[in-house]
Amino acid sequence: MTDAESILRADEIVIFPDGPAITESVRKGEIVGLAGLDGHGQVPFLEILAGFRRASAGTVTVATKGQAVTITSPVEAARKGVGYMPADRKRNGIFPGIGVLDNFAFGNFARFSKRGWLSYRAARAALQEYRKDLSMAFASPSMHINRLSGGNQQKVLLARAMAGMPDVMLLNDPTRGVDIQTRRTLYDFFRRSVDERDLTYVILSTELEEIIELCDRVLVFRDNAISARLPREDMTLDVLMSAMFGQLERAAS
């Protein structure tokens, strides 16, 4: 894959000291999965891509907003078109003491402000669009977010990240703890945003069926390195499990 084709690139990333180096590129419009047994490096790798964790070595570059920029912090990543959703919405996502609209507007001040003041009218209009797109269920935008179901809280977090108009979305277990109907709604939304906006996704998931259904290819992590790279046509439950347990050698460059 050439640099011209990639929107997100990790060059010689070392997750932990003295570990192996990882080089990987993601194309515009791809959905790339990250999989692996717990503790094998896929979570810190995603956090490095998002700027939340400093790699022991190497660089992450994003080619959005008309230029290629090295990512060193989550603020910089967000400014350059990289959105991120954490796995634990209660600890790292929602603000339980405030309403749905305030949770949605948080972090999107630049988009929803006029003359330095937050425009709740603009934020409310945008929230309404995502409410329809994601089939959100809440009585009022002022309703405290902790009164929503887990699935609806997750939808608000996704809408907040999408409101920043990212070119790349990094998702950490986006359907963990949600019901089947919410999962289907999220899957449909991911696909539509790729088709309609050419959005790029990197999705870390502990649900292998989710990886198989959604992703164009998957990077399987073992011992803090990519042990296998599988295209969609090779993704089966048996093959993924074999790769996760180190019984498949498919780490071609």
C-alpha atoms as a PDB file:
ATOM      1  CA  MET A   1       0.000   0.000   0.000  1.00  0.00           C
ATOM      2  CA  THR A   2       1.447   3.381  -0.965  1.00  0.00           C
ATOM      3  CA  ASP A   3       1.463   6.469   1.217  1.00  0.00           C
ATOM      4  CA  ALA A   4      -0.837   8.149  -1.318  1.00  0.00           C
ATOM      5  CA  GLU A   5      -3.527   5.549  -0.607  1.00  0.00           C
ATOM      6  CA  SER A   6      -3.376   5.731   3.190  1.00  0.00           C
ATOM      7  CA  ILE A   7      -5.344   8.092   5.404  1.00  0.00           C
ATOM      8  CA  LEU A   8      -3.895   6.763   8.660  1.00  0.00           C
ATOM      9  CA  ARG A   9      -0.422   5.298   9.031  1.00  0.00           C
ATOM     10  CA  ALA A  10       1.528   3.769  11.910  1.00  0.00           C
ATOM     11  CA  ASP A  11       5.271   3.673  11.241  1.00  0.00           C
ATOM     12  CA  GLU A  12       7.516   1.421  13.323  1.00  0.00           C
ATOM     13  CA  ILE A  13       5.225   1.708  16.350  1.00  0.00           C
ATOM     14  CA  VAL A  14       6.578  -0.067  19.432  1.00  0.00           C
ATOM     15  CA  ILE A  15       3.828  -0.485  22.027  1.00  0.00           C
ATOM     16  CA  PHE A  16       6.056  -1.372  24.985  1.00  0.00           C
ATOM     17  CA  PRO A  17       9.858  -1.031  25.431  1.00  0.00           C
ATOM     18  CA  ASP A  18      11.885  -3.693  23.600  1.00  0.00           C
ATOM     19  CA  GLY A  19       8.772  -4.906  21.806  1.00  0.00           C
ATOM     20  CA  PRO A  20       8.368  -5.550  18.073  1.00  0.00           C
ATOM     21  CA  ALA A  21       7.774  -2.649  15.673  1.00  0.00           C
ATOM     22  CA  ILE A  22       4.437  -2.363  13.877  1.00  0.00           C
ATOM     23  CA  THR A  23       3.945  -0.638  10.537  1.00  0.00           C
ATOM     24  CA  GLU A  24       0.438  -0.495   9.128  1.00  0.00           C
ATOM     25  CA  SER A  25      -1.673   1.743   6.862  1.00  0.00           C
ATOM     26  CA  VAL A  26      -5.422   2.239   6.598  1.00  0.00           C
ATOM     27  CA  ARG A  27      -7.074   3.374   3.389  1.00  0.00           C
ATOM     28  CA  LYS A  28      -9.828   5.944   3.095  1.00  0.00           C
ATOM     29  CA  GLY A  29     -13.218   4.266   3.211  1.00  0.00           C
ATOM     30  CA  GLU A  30     -11.962   1.052   4.829  1.00  0.00           C
ATOM     31  CA  ILE A  31     -13.338  -0.661   7.900  1.00  0.00           C
ATOM     32  CA  VAL A  32     -10.364  -2.328   9.575  1.00  0.00           C
ATOM     33  CA  GLY A  33     -10.833  -4.597  12.583  1.00  0.00           C
ATOM     34  CA  LEU A  34      -8.481  -5.166  15.503  1.00  0.00           C
ATOM     35  CA  ALA A  35      -8.752  -8.488  17.319  1.00  0.00           C
ATOM     36  CA  GLY A  36      -6.786 -10.537  19.814  1.00  0.00           C
ATOM     37  CA  LEU A  37      -6.849 -12.167  23.204  1.00  0.00           C
ATOM     38  CA  ASP A  38      -6.954  -9.803  26.196  1.00  0.00           C
ATOM     39  CA  GLY A  39      -3.626  -8.173  26.926  1.00  0.00           C
ATOM     40  CA  HIS A  40      -1.971  -8.792  23.562  1.00  0.00           C
ATOM     41  CA  GLY A  41      -1.589  -5.159  22.487  1.00  0.00           C
ATOM     42  CA  GLN A  42      -4.630  -4.251  20.428  1.00  0.00           C
ATOM     43  CA  VAL A  43      -6.046  -1.851  23.052  1.00  0.00           C
ATOM     44  CA  PRO A  44      -2.841   0.198  23.569  1.00  0.00           C
ATOM     45  CA  PHE A  45      -2.298   0.203  19.797  1.00  0.00           C
ATOM     46  CA  LEU A  46      -5.712   1.805  19.256  1.00  0.00           C
ATOM     47  CA  GLU A  47      -4.997   4.318  22.036  1.00  0.00           C
ATOM     48  CA  ILE A  48      -1.685   5.196  20.363  1.00  0.00           C
ATOM     49  CA  LEU A  49      -3.515   5.819  17.069  1.00  0.00           C
ATOM     50  CA  ALA A  50      -5.909   8.149  18.934  1.00  0.00           C
ATOM     51  CA  GLY A  51      -3.119  10.025  20.715  1.00  0.00           C
ATOM     52  CA  PHE A  52      -4.157   8.879  24.195  1.00  0.00           C
ATOM     53  CA  ARG A  53      -1.023   6.808  24.725  1.00  0.00           C
ATOM     54  CA  ARG A  54       2.586   7.536  23.831  1.00  0.00           C
ATOM     55  CA  ALA A  55       4.342   4.775  21.911  1.00  0.00           C
ATOM     56  CA  SER A  56       7.770   3.622  23.026  1.00  0.00           C
ATOM     57  CA  ALA A  57       8.922   4.334  19.467  1.00  0.00           C
ATOM     58  CA  GLY A  58       7.494   5.197  16.073  1.00  0.00           C
ATOM     59  CA  THR A  59       4.990   7.702  14.705  1.00  0.00           C
ATOM     60  CA  VAL A  60       1.322   7.909  13.767  1.00  0.00           C
ATOM     61  CA  THR A  61       0.432  10.078  10.784  1.00  0.00           C
ATOM     62  CA  VAL A  62      -3.006  11.095   9.586  1.00  0.00           C
ATOM     63  CA  ALA A  63      -3.552  12.520   6.096  1.00  0.00           C
ATOM     64  CA  THR A  64      -6.764  14.530   6.488  1.00  0.00           C
ATOM     65  CA  LYS A  65      -7.794  18.184   6.250  1.00  0.00           C
ATOM     66  CA  GLY A  66      -5.485  18.625   3.273  1.00  0.00           C
ATOM     67  CA  GLN A  67      -2.197  17.676   4.929  1.00  0.00           C
ATOM     68  CA  ALA A  68      -0.318  14.845   6.636  1.00  0.00           C
ATOM     69  CA  VAL A  69       0.240  15.440  10.356  1.00  0.00           C
ATOM     70  CA  THR A  70       1.959  13.406  13.070  1.00  0.00           C
ATOM     71  CA  ILE A  71      -0.418  12.677  15.956  1.00  0.00           C
ATOM     72  CA  THR A  72       0.945  13.236  19.467  1.00  0.00           C
ATOM     73  CA  SER A  73      -2.200  14.013  21.516  1.00  0.00           C
ATOM     74  CA  PRO A  74      -5.961  13.363  21.445  1.00  0.00           C
ATOM     75  CA  VAL A  75      -6.662  17.075  21.002  1.00  0.00           C
ATOM     76  CA  GLU A  76      -4.443  17.215  17.936  1.00  0.00           C
ATOM     77  CA  ALA A  77      -5.970  14.007  16.601  1.00  0.00           C
ATOM     78  CA  ALA A  78      -9.491  15.442  16.927  1.00  0.00           C
ATOM     79  CA  ARG A  79      -8.455  18.687  15.211  1.00  0.00           C
ATOM     80  CA  LYS A  80      -7.037  16.718  12.309  1.00  0.00           C
ATOM     81  CA  GLY A  81     -10.136  14.622  11.734  1.00  0.00           C
ATOM     82  CA  VAL A  82      -9.650  11.592  13.973  1.00  0.00           C
ATOM     83  CA  GLY A  83     -12.614  10.711  16.216  1.00  0.00           C
ATOM     84  CA  TYR A  84     -12.437   8.251  19.105  1.00  0.00           C
ATOM     85  CA  MET A  85     -14.973   6.321  21.182  1.00  0.00           C
ATOM     86  CA  PRO A  86     -13.745   4.678  24.410  1.00  0.00           C
ATOM     87  CA  ALA A  87     -14.837   1.230  25.538  1.00  0.00           C
ATOM     88  CA  ASP A  88     -16.078   2.221  28.998  1.00  0.00           C
ATOM     89  CA  ARG A  89     -18.793   4.804  28.427  1.00  0.00           C
ATOM     90  CA  LYS A  90     -19.531   5.242  32.142  1.00  0.00           C
ATOM     91  CA  ARG A  91     -15.931   5.957  33.185  1.00  0.00           C
ATOM     92  CA  ASN A  92     -14.555   7.633  30.061  1.00  0.00           C
ATOM     93  CA  GLY A  93     -17.528   8.753  28.001  1.00  0.00           C
ATOM     94  CA  ILE A  94     -20.724  10.185  29.444  1.00  0.00           C
ATOM     95  CA  PHE A  95     -21.131  12.993  31.967  1.00  0.00           C
ATOM     96  CA  PRO A  96     -23.929  11.510  34.095  1.00  0.00           C
ATOM     97  CA  GLY A  97     -24.936  14.673  35.925  1.00  0.00           C
ATOM     98  CA  ILE A  98     -25.932  16.630  32.823  1.00  0.00           C
ATOM     99  CA  GLY A  99     -28.411  16.293  29.988  1.00  0.00           C
ATOM    100  CA  VAL A 100     -28.267  14.563  26.628  1.00  0.00           C
ATOM    101  CA  LEU A 101     -27.773  17.827  24.712  1.00  0.00           C
ATOM    102  CA  ASP A 102     -24.891  18.976  26.920  1.00  0.00           C
ATOM    103  CA  ASN A 103     -23.231  15.577  26.574  1.00  0.00           C
ATOM    104  CA  PHE A 104     -23.627  15.781  22.810  1.00  0.00           C
ATOM    105  CA  ALA A 105     -22.290  19.335  22.550  1.00  0.00           C
ATOM    106  CA  PHE A 106     -19.263  18.664  24.774  1.00  0.00           C
ATOM    107  CA  GLY A 107     -16.054  18.839  22.743  1.00  0.00           C
ATOM    108  CA  ASN A 108     -17.827  20.384  19.744  1.00  0.00           C
ATOM    109  CA  PHE A 109     -17.731  24.009  20.859  1.00  0.00           C
ATOM    110  CA  ALA A 110     -16.075  25.180  17.635  1.00  0.00           C
ATOM    111  CA  ARG A 111     -18.854  23.737  15.498  1.00  0.00           C
ATOM    112  CA  PHE A 112     -21.764  24.939  17.617  1.00  0.00           C
ATOM    113  CA  SER A 113     -20.507  28.363  18.711  1.00  0.00           C
ATOM    114  CA  LYS A 114     -21.286  31.822  17.353  1.00  0.00           C
ATOM    115  CA  ARG A 115     -19.162  34.790  18.327  1.00  0.00           C
ATOM    116  CA  GLY A 116     -17.593  32.768  21.117  1.00  0.00           C
ATOM    117  CA  TRP A 117     -20.871  31.552  22.642  1.00  0.00           C
ATOM    118  CA  LEU A 118     -22.308  28.065  22.402  1.00  0.00           C
ATOM    119  CA  SER A 119     -25.405  28.025  20.194  1.00  0.00           C
ATOM    120  CA  TYR A 120     -27.800  25.553  21.738  1.00  0.00           C
ATOM    121  CA  ARG A 121     -30.086  26.015  18.748  1.00  0.00           C
ATOM    122  CA  ALA A 122     -27.370  24.735  16.384  1.00  0.00           C
ATOM    123  CA  ALA A 123     -26.439  21.899  18.755  1.00  0.00           C
ATOM    124  CA  ARG A 124     -30.086  20.899  19.197  1.00  0.00           C
ATOM    125  CA  ALA A 125     -30.653  20.825  15.427  1.00  0.00           C
ATOM    126  CA  ALA A 126     -27.594  18.605  14.917  1.00  0.00           C
ATOM    127  CA  LEU A 127     -28.642  16.308  17.760  1.00  0.00           C
ATOM    128  CA  GLN A 128     -32.056  15.922  16.165  1.00  0.00           C
ATOM    129  CA  GLU A 129     -30.444  14.719  12.934  1.00  0.00           C
ATOM    130  CA  TYR A 130     -28.402  12.087  14.757  1.00  0.00           C
ATOM    131  CA  ARG A 131     -31.426  11.172  16.863  1.00  0.00           C
ATOM    132  CA  LYS A 132     -33.231  10.245  13.663  1.00  0.00           C
ATOM    133  CA  ASP A 133     -30.194   8.573  12.064  1.00  0.00           C
ATOM    134  CA  LEU A 134     -29.411   6.438  15.103  1.00  0.00           C
ATOM    135  CA  SER A 135     -32.973   5.881  16.371  1.00  0.00           C
ATOM    136  CA  MET A 136     -32.165   7.464  19.757  1.00  0.00           C
ATOM    137  CA  ALA A 137     -34.856   7.242  22.410  1.00  0.00           C
ATOM    138  CA  PHE A 138     -35.080  10.008  25.012  1.00  0.00           C
ATOM    139  CA  ALA A 139     -37.954  12.161  26.244  1.00  0.00           C
ATOM    140  CA  SER A 140     -36.154  15.488  25.979  1.00  0.00           C
ATOM    141  CA  PRO A 141     -32.664  16.818  25.088  1.00  0.00           C
ATOM    142  CA  SER A 142     -32.435  18.098  28.670  1.00  0.00           C
ATOM    143  CA  MET A 143     -33.040  14.632  30.128  1.00  0.00           C
ATOM    144  CA  HIS A 144     -30.072  13.424  32.217  1.00  0.00           C
ATOM    145  CA  ILE A 145     -28.077  10.978  30.159  1.00  0.00           C
ATOM    146  CA  ASN A 146     -27.729   8.491  33.017  1.00  0.00           C
ATOM    147  CA  ARG A 147     -31.505   7.915  32.741  1.00  0.00           C
ATOM    148  CA  LEU A 148     -31.054   6.515  29.219  1.00  0.00           C
ATOM    149  CA  SER A 149     -30.484   2.858  28.437  1.00  0.00           C
ATOM    150  CA  GLY A 150     -26.909   1.757  27.818  1.00  0.00           C
ATOM    151  CA  GLY A 151     -27.587   1.498  24.107  1.00  0.00           C
ATOM    152  CA  ASN A 152     -28.927   5.042  23.889  1.00  0.00           C
ATOM    153  CA  GLN A 153     -25.996   6.373  25.912  1.00  0.00           C
ATOM    154  CA  GLN A 154     -23.703   4.700  23.377  1.00  0.00           C
ATOM    155  CA  LYS A 155     -25.580   6.337  20.520  1.00  0.00           C
ATOM    156  CA  VAL A 156     -25.154   9.773  22.119  1.00  0.00           C
ATOM    157  CA  LEU A 157     -21.407   9.178  22.432  1.00  0.00           C
ATOM    158  CA  LEU A 158     -21.190   8.110  18.794  1.00  0.00           C
ATOM    159  CA  ALA A 159     -23.207  11.161  17.726  1.00  0.00           C
ATOM    160  CA  ARG A 160     -20.883  13.425  19.748  1.00  0.00           C
ATOM    161  CA  ALA A 161     -17.833  11.963  18.044  1.00  0.00           C
ATOM    162  CA  MET A 162     -19.476  12.205  14.623  1.00  0.00           C
ATOM    163  CA  ALA A 163     -20.489  15.831  15.230  1.00  0.00           C
ATOM    164  CA  GLY A 164     -16.794  16.727  15.087  1.00  0.00           C
ATOM    165  CA  MET A 165     -16.951  15.749  11.387  1.00  0.00           C
ATOM    166  CA  PRO A 166     -14.095  13.232  11.519  1.00  0.00           C
ATOM    167  CA  ASP A 167     -12.524  11.561   8.508  1.00  0.00           C
ATOM    168  CA  VAL A 168     -11.387   8.587  10.600  1.00  0.00           C
ATOM    169  CA  MET A 169     -13.244   6.958  13.502  1.00  0.00           C
ATOM    170  CA  LEU A 170     -11.435   4.794  16.055  1.00  0.00           C
ATOM    171  CA  LEU A 171     -13.905   2.662  18.012  1.00  0.00           C
ATOM    172  CA  ASN A 172     -13.047   0.620  21.106  1.00  0.00           C
ATOM    173  CA  ASP A 173     -15.599  -2.185  21.467  1.00  0.00           C
ATOM    174  CA  PRO A 174     -18.476   0.028  20.253  1.00  0.00           C
ATOM    175  CA  THR A 175     -21.292  -2.486  20.856  1.00  0.00           C
ATOM    176  CA  ARG A 176     -20.203  -3.859  24.226  1.00  0.00           C
ATOM    177  CA  GLY A 177     -23.132  -4.099  26.626  1.00  0.00           C
ATOM    178  CA  VAL A 178     -25.843  -3.079  24.147  1.00  0.00           C
ATOM    179  CA  ASP A 179     -28.840  -5.060  22.962  1.00  0.00           C
ATOM    180  CA  ILE A 180     -29.128  -6.747  19.569  1.00  0.00           C
ATOM    181  CA  GLN A 181     -31.411  -4.079  18.096  1.00  0.00           C
ATOM    182  CA  THR A 182     -28.962  -1.303  19.034  1.00  0.00           C
ATOM    183  CA  ARG A 183     -26.120  -3.348  17.591  1.00  0.00           C
ATOM    184  CA  ARG A 184     -27.926  -3.645  14.253  1.00  0.00           C
ATOM    185  CA  THR A 185     -28.632   0.102  14.259  1.00  0.00           C
ATOM    186  CA  LEU A 186     -24.951   0.871  14.836  1.00  0.00           C
ATOM    187  CA  TYR A 187     -23.830  -1.553  12.132  1.00  0.00           C
ATOM    188  CA  ASP A 188     -26.184   0.077   9.624  1.00  0.00           C
ATOM    189  CA  PHE A 189     -24.930   3.530  10.619  1.00  0.00           C
ATOM    190  CA  PHE A 190     -21.280   2.507  10.167  1.00  0.00           C
ATOM    191  CA  ARG A 191     -21.967   1.147   6.689  1.00  0.00           C
ATOM    192  CA  ARG A 192     -23.988   4.184   5.610  1.00  0.00           C
ATOM    193  CA  SER A 193     -21.300   6.607   6.762  1.00  0.00           C
ATOM    194  CA  VAL A 194     -18.737   4.707   4.693  1.00  0.00           C
ATOM    195  CA  ASP A 195     -20.991   4.688   1.626  1.00  0.00           C
ATOM    196  CA  GLU A 196     -22.200   8.287   1.955  1.00  0.00           C
ATOM    197  CA  ARG A 197     -19.195  10.059   3.495  1.00  0.00           C
ATOM    198  CA  ASP A 198     -16.292   7.756   2.616  1.00  0.00           C
ATOM    199  CA  LEU A 199     -15.591   7.601   6.337  1.00  0.00           C
ATOM    200  CA  THR A 200     -12.805   5.326   7.568  1.00  0.00           C
ATOM    201  CA  TYR A 201     -13.135   3.082  10.623  1.00  0.00           C
ATOM    202  CA  VAL A 202     -10.710   1.187  12.816  1.00  0.00           C
ATOM    203  CA  ILE A 203     -12.835  -1.002  15.086  1.00  0.00           C
ATOM    204  CA  LEU A 204     -11.458  -2.959  18.013  1.00  0.00           C
ATOM    205  CA  SER A 205     -13.980  -5.589  18.999  1.00  0.00           C
ATOM    206  CA  THR A 206     -14.124  -8.508  21.398  1.00  0.00           C
ATOM    207  CA  GLU A 207     -17.042  -9.863  19.337  1.00  0.00           C
ATOM    208  CA  LEU A 208     -15.514 -11.912  16.522  1.00  0.00           C
ATOM    209  CA  GLU A 209     -18.852 -12.172  14.706  1.00  0.00           C
ATOM    210  CA  GLU A 210     -18.877  -8.364  14.610  1.00  0.00           C
ATOM    211  CA  ILE A 211     -15.420  -8.298  13.023  1.00  0.00           C
ATOM    212  CA  ILE A 212     -16.502 -10.844  10.418  1.00  0.00           C
ATOM    213  CA  GLU A 213     -19.718  -8.984   9.565  1.00  0.00           C
ATOM    214  CA  LEU A 214     -18.375  -5.433   9.442  1.00  0.00           C
ATOM    215  CA  CYS A 215     -14.728  -5.377   8.474  1.00  0.00           C
ATOM    216  CA  ASP A 216     -12.934  -5.335   5.121  1.00  0.00           C
ATOM    217  CA  ARG A 217      -9.890  -6.869   6.829  1.00  0.00           C
ATOM    218  CA  VAL A 218      -8.682  -7.619  10.338  1.00  0.00           C
ATOM    219  CA  LEU A 219      -5.355  -7.230  12.135  1.00  0.00           C
ATOM    220  CA  VAL A 220      -4.922  -9.953  14.743  1.00  0.00           C
ATOM    221  CA  PHE A 221      -2.661  -9.077  17.687  1.00  0.00           C
ATOM    222  CA  ARG A 222      -0.535 -11.484  19.671  1.00  0.00           C
ATOM    223  CA  ASP A 223       2.369 -10.628  22.013  1.00  0.00           C
ATOM    224  CA  ASN A 224       2.054  -6.889  21.219  1.00  0.00           C
ATOM    225  CA  ALA A 225       2.527  -7.434  17.495  1.00  0.00           C
ATOM    226  CA  ILE A 226       0.315  -8.103  14.485  1.00  0.00           C
ATOM    227  CA  SER A 227       0.434 -11.873  14.144  1.00  0.00           C
ATOM    228  CA  ALA A 228      -1.957 -12.106  11.195  1.00  0.00           C
ATOM    229  CA  ARG A 229      -3.510  -9.859   8.568  1.00  0.00           C
ATOM    230  CA  LEU A 230      -6.688 -11.355   7.168  1.00  0.00           C
ATOM    231  CA  PRO A 231      -8.697 -10.062   4.192  1.00  0.00           C
ATOM    232  CA  ARG A 232     -12.471 -10.353   4.283  1.00  0.00           C
ATOM    233  CA  GLU A 233     -12.544 -13.519   2.198  1.00  0.00           C
ATOM    234  CA  ASP A 234     -10.375 -15.333   4.764  1.00  0.00           C
ATOM    235  CA  MET A 235     -12.279 -14.177   7.838  1.00  0.00           C
ATOM    236  CA  THR A 236     -14.013 -17.088   9.516  1.00  0.00           C
ATOM    237  CA  LEU A 237     -14.484 -17.779  13.197  1.00  0.00           C
ATOM    238  CA  ASP A 238     -12.101 -20.734  13.053  1.00  0.00           C
ATOM    239  CA  VAL A 239      -9.368 -18.793  11.252  1.00  0.00           C
ATOM    240  CA  LEU A 240      -9.658 -15.824  13.627  1.00  0.00           C
ATOM    241  CA  MET A 241      -9.486 -18.056  16.675  1.00  0.00           C
ATOM    242  CA  SER A 242      -6.466 -19.892  15.268  1.00  0.00           C
ATOM    243  CA  ALA A 243      -4.697 -16.579  14.679  1.00  0.00           C
ATOM    244  CA  MET A 244      -5.500 -15.311  18.173  1.00  0.00           C
ATOM    245  CA  PHE A 245      -4.017 -18.464  19.729  1.00  0.00           C
ATOM    246  CA  GLY A 246      -0.877 -18.282  17.589  1.00  0.00           C
ATOM    247  CA  GLN A 247      -1.774 -21.239  15.379  1.00  0.00           C
ATOM    248  CA  LEU A 248      -1.866 -19.285  12.123  1.00  0.00           C
ATOM    249  CA  GLU A 249       1.022 -17.487  10.470  1.00  0.00           C
ATOM    250  CA  ARG A 250      -0.411 -14.725   8.274  1.00  0.00           C
ATOM    251  CA  ALA A 251       1.617 -11.631   9.198  1.00  0.00           C
ATOM    252  CA  ALA A 252       2.681 -10.809   5.645  1.00  0.00           C
ATOM    253  CA  SER A 253       3.683  -7.180   5.153  1.00  0.00           C
END
